[in-house]
């Protein structure tokens, strides 16, 4: 797991999760996004949920919350979104933000910023303190897949629509294999 907050034990339908799900669907509909809802057994681990959804793992949007220290007094948080088969390169995130220290955010902070439980984090930031950075490799597929702020429902979203709606900072943040 390498400290990545990809494992999940969230409760489907919790209040926080339900609100984030409803907001996402409303935003996608308002933007005219092309997407499909996929119901499946509750699962938040990328490889397992990709198999349940029936797509290659590299099309999964793996969402990780990272803390970057800028000097001694300033902290920035990043929602790093990478292909499901890739590892996040923490050094690349640190360099991108001009940081002096980088680490995965602890589970409580990550869930607070994401507004949903670990394993259900959306590839959209609804929190001003959470900067969205997406690896360009994720944008190569025509569709991307992610848990919809729930462990039992996912979204298959047209990648062009995702890029248009999320308007992410696109930067190479995956580790070389």
Protein backbone atom coordinates (compact mmCIF):
# COMPACT_ATOMS: atom_id res chain seq x y z
CA UNK A 1 0.00 0.00 0.00
CA UNK A 2 3.01 2.33 0.42
CA UNK A 3 1.01 4.60 2.73
CA UNK A 4 -1.40 5.50 -0.04
CA UNK A 5 -4.91 6.12 1.24
CA UNK A 6 -6.48 3.76 -1.25
CA UNK A 7 -7.75 1.07 1.10
CA UNK A 8 -11.30 1.61 2.24
CA UNK A 9 -13.59 0.67 5.03
CA UNK A 10 -16.22 3.37 4.53
CA UNK A 11 -19.87 2.96 5.23
CA UNK A 12 -21.97 3.35 2.08
CA UNK A 13 -24.63 5.97 2.60
CA UNK A 14 -23.02 7.86 5.49
CA UNK A 15 -24.22 11.48 5.75
CA UNK A 16 -20.97 13.03 4.53
CA UNK A 17 -20.64 10.51 1.71
CA UNK A 18 -24.26 10.94 0.63
CA UNK A 19 -23.90 14.73 0.41
CA UNK A 20 -20.75 14.54 -1.67
CA UNK A 21 -22.35 11.96 -3.99
CA UNK A 22 -25.44 14.12 -4.53
CA UNK A 23 -23.32 17.18 -5.22
CA UNK A 24 -21.16 15.31 -7.73
CA UNK A 25 -24.16 13.99 -9.67
CA UNK A 26 -25.77 17.45 -9.70
CA UNK A 27 -22.53 19.02 -10.95
CA UNK A 28 -22.04 16.40 -13.67
CA UNK A 29 -25.64 16.79 -14.84
CA UNK A 30 -25.44 20.60 -14.81
CA UNK A 31 -22.26 20.46 -16.91
CA UNK A 32 -23.77 18.03 -19.42
CA UNK A 33 -21.20 15.35 -18.62
CA UNK A 34 -21.34 11.97 -20.31
CA UNK A 35 -21.20 9.34 -17.58
CA UNK A 36 -22.59 6.03 -16.45
CA UNK A 37 -23.37 4.88 -12.90
CA UNK A 38 -22.04 1.44 -12.01
CA UNK A 39 -23.36 -0.42 -8.95
CA UNK A 40 -21.12 -3.13 -7.48
CA UNK A 41 -20.18 -4.85 -4.25
CA UNK A 42 -18.70 -2.39 -1.70
CA UNK A 43 -14.98 -2.04 -2.42
CA UNK A 44 -12.46 0.79 -2.28
CA UNK A 45 -9.18 -0.85 -3.29
CA UNK A 46 -8.32 0.16 -6.83
CA UNK A 47 -7.37 -3.22 -8.28
CA UNK A 48 -10.34 -5.04 -6.77
CA UNK A 49 -12.94 -2.42 -7.64
CA UNK A 50 -11.58 -2.16 -11.20
CA UNK A 51 -12.21 -5.90 -11.60
CA UNK A 52 -15.75 -5.49 -10.23
CA UNK A 53 -16.39 -2.65 -12.66
CA UNK A 54 -14.87 -4.60 -15.57
CA UNK A 55 -12.24 -2.19 -16.88
CA UNK A 56 -8.42 -2.10 -17.02
CA UNK A 57 -6.93 -0.84 -13.76
CA UNK A 58 -5.03 1.95 -15.57
CA UNK A 59 -8.38 3.61 -16.32
CA UNK A 60 -9.18 3.93 -12.61
CA UNK A 61 -8.65 7.36 -11.07
CA UNK A 62 -6.68 6.65 -7.89
CA UNK A 63 -7.09 9.64 -5.58
CA UNK A 64 -4.52 10.37 -2.88
CA UNK A 65 -4.28 13.28 -0.45
CA UNK A 66 -0.78 14.66 0.07
CA UNK A 67 0.57 17.23 2.52
CA UNK A 68 3.36 19.51 1.27
CA UNK A 69 5.26 21.76 3.66
CA UNK A 70 6.51 25.00 2.20
CA UNK A 71 9.18 26.10 4.65
CA UNK A 72 8.37 25.78 8.33
CA UNK A 73 5.08 27.68 8.54
CA UNK A 74 3.04 26.91 5.43
CA UNK A 75 1.26 23.68 4.51
CA UNK A 76 -0.52 22.94 1.25
CA UNK A 77 -2.67 19.91 0.50
CA UNK A 78 -2.89 18.20 -2.87
CA UNK A 79 -5.47 15.82 -4.25
CA UNK A 80 -3.19 13.78 -6.50
CA UNK A 81 -5.03 11.73 -9.11
CA UNK A 82 -3.07 9.03 -10.92
CA UNK A 83 -3.89 5.97 -13.03
CA UNK A 84 -4.88 2.98 -10.91
CA UNK A 85 -1.83 0.99 -11.93
CA UNK A 86 0.62 3.80 -11.12
CA UNK A 87 2.42 4.86 -7.97
CA UNK A 88 2.39 8.47 -6.90
CA UNK A 89 5.83 10.11 -6.99
CA UNK A 90 5.87 12.16 -3.79
CA UNK A 91 9.11 13.88 -4.81
CA UNK A 92 7.45 15.09 -8.04
CA UNK A 93 4.57 16.60 -6.01
CA UNK A 94 7.05 18.22 -3.63
CA UNK A 95 9.03 19.71 -6.52
CA UNK A 96 5.88 20.86 -8.30
CA UNK A 97 4.85 22.94 -5.29
CA UNK A 98 8.36 24.03 -4.30
CA UNK A 99 8.02 22.17 -1.03
CA UNK A 100 10.56 21.34 1.64
CA UNK A 101 8.73 18.22 2.92
CA UNK A 102 6.05 15.91 1.53
CA UNK A 103 4.04 13.02 2.94
CA UNK A 104 0.66 11.37 2.56
CA UNK A 105 -1.89 13.18 4.71
CA UNK A 106 -3.10 11.18 7.68
CA UNK A 107 -6.43 9.44 7.19
CA UNK A 108 -8.46 11.89 9.31
CA UNK A 109 -7.11 14.96 7.50
CA UNK A 110 -7.53 13.30 4.09
CA UNK A 111 -11.16 12.41 4.80
CA UNK A 112 -11.85 15.89 6.16
CA UNK A 113 -10.46 17.58 3.04
CA UNK A 114 -12.01 15.12 0.59
CA UNK A 115 -15.40 15.15 2.30
CA UNK A 116 -15.64 11.38 1.99
CA UNK A 117 -14.08 8.25 3.43
CA UNK A 118 -10.84 6.73 2.28
CA UNK A 119 -11.44 4.58 -0.80
CA UNK A 120 -14.29 6.84 -1.93
CA UNK A 121 -12.32 10.04 -2.58
CA UNK A 122 -13.49 11.78 -5.75
CA UNK A 123 -11.11 13.09 -8.42
CA UNK A 124 -12.72 16.52 -7.90
CA UNK A 125 -11.85 19.01 -5.19
CA UNK A 126 -14.73 20.67 -3.39
CA UNK A 127 -12.40 22.10 -0.75
CA UNK A 128 -10.46 25.33 -1.47
CA UNK A 129 -7.50 24.09 0.61
CA UNK A 130 -7.19 20.99 -1.58
CA UNK A 131 -5.35 21.58 -4.87
CA UNK A 132 -6.19 19.14 -7.66
CA UNK A 133 -3.24 17.73 -9.62
CA UNK A 134 -3.80 15.02 -12.24
CA UNK A 135 -1.15 12.96 -13.98
CA UNK A 136 -1.49 13.30 -17.79
CA UNK A 137 -1.40 9.50 -18.25
CA UNK A 138 -4.84 9.28 -16.66
CA UNK A 139 -6.24 11.54 -19.38
CA UNK A 140 -5.11 9.19 -22.19
CA UNK A 141 -8.14 6.88 -21.93
CA UNK A 142 -11.55 7.87 -23.32
CA UNK A 143 -13.21 7.13 -19.95
CA UNK A 144 -12.06 7.13 -16.38
CA UNK A 145 -13.59 5.26 -13.48
CA UNK A 146 -13.84 6.13 -9.80
CA UNK A 147 -15.91 5.40 -6.72
CA UNK A 148 -18.66 7.99 -6.49
CA UNK A 149 -18.07 9.00 -2.84
CA UNK A 150 -19.49 5.56 -2.02
CA UNK A 151 -17.99 2.09 -1.91
CA UNK A 152 -20.93 0.49 -3.73
CA UNK A 153 -21.31 2.84 -6.70
CA UNK A 154 -18.83 4.08 -9.25
CA UNK A 155 -18.88 6.44 -12.18
CA UNK A 156 -17.51 5.86 -15.66
CA UNK A 157 -16.93 9.42 -16.86
CA UNK A 158 -15.92 10.69 -20.28
CA UNK A 159 -12.35 11.90 -19.84
CA UNK A 160 -12.82 15.07 -21.88
CA UNK A 161 -15.78 15.99 -19.68
CA UNK A 162 -13.72 15.27 -16.57
CA UNK A 163 -10.90 17.56 -17.70
CA UNK A 164 -13.39 20.30 -18.64
CA UNK A 165 -15.36 20.14 -15.38
CA UNK A 166 -12.54 19.50 -12.89
CA UNK A 167 -10.08 21.85 -14.63
CA UNK A 168 -7.12 20.15 -12.92
CA UNK A 169 -3.49 21.14 -12.79
CA UNK A 170 -2.00 18.53 -15.14
CA UNK A 171 1.53 17.45 -14.23
CA UNK A 172 3.63 14.28 -14.31
CA UNK A 173 3.33 12.92 -10.75
CA UNK A 174 3.71 9.17 -11.20
CA UNK A 175 6.81 7.19 -10.33
CA UNK A 176 8.72 5.54 -13.14
CA UNK A 177 8.18 1.79 -13.24
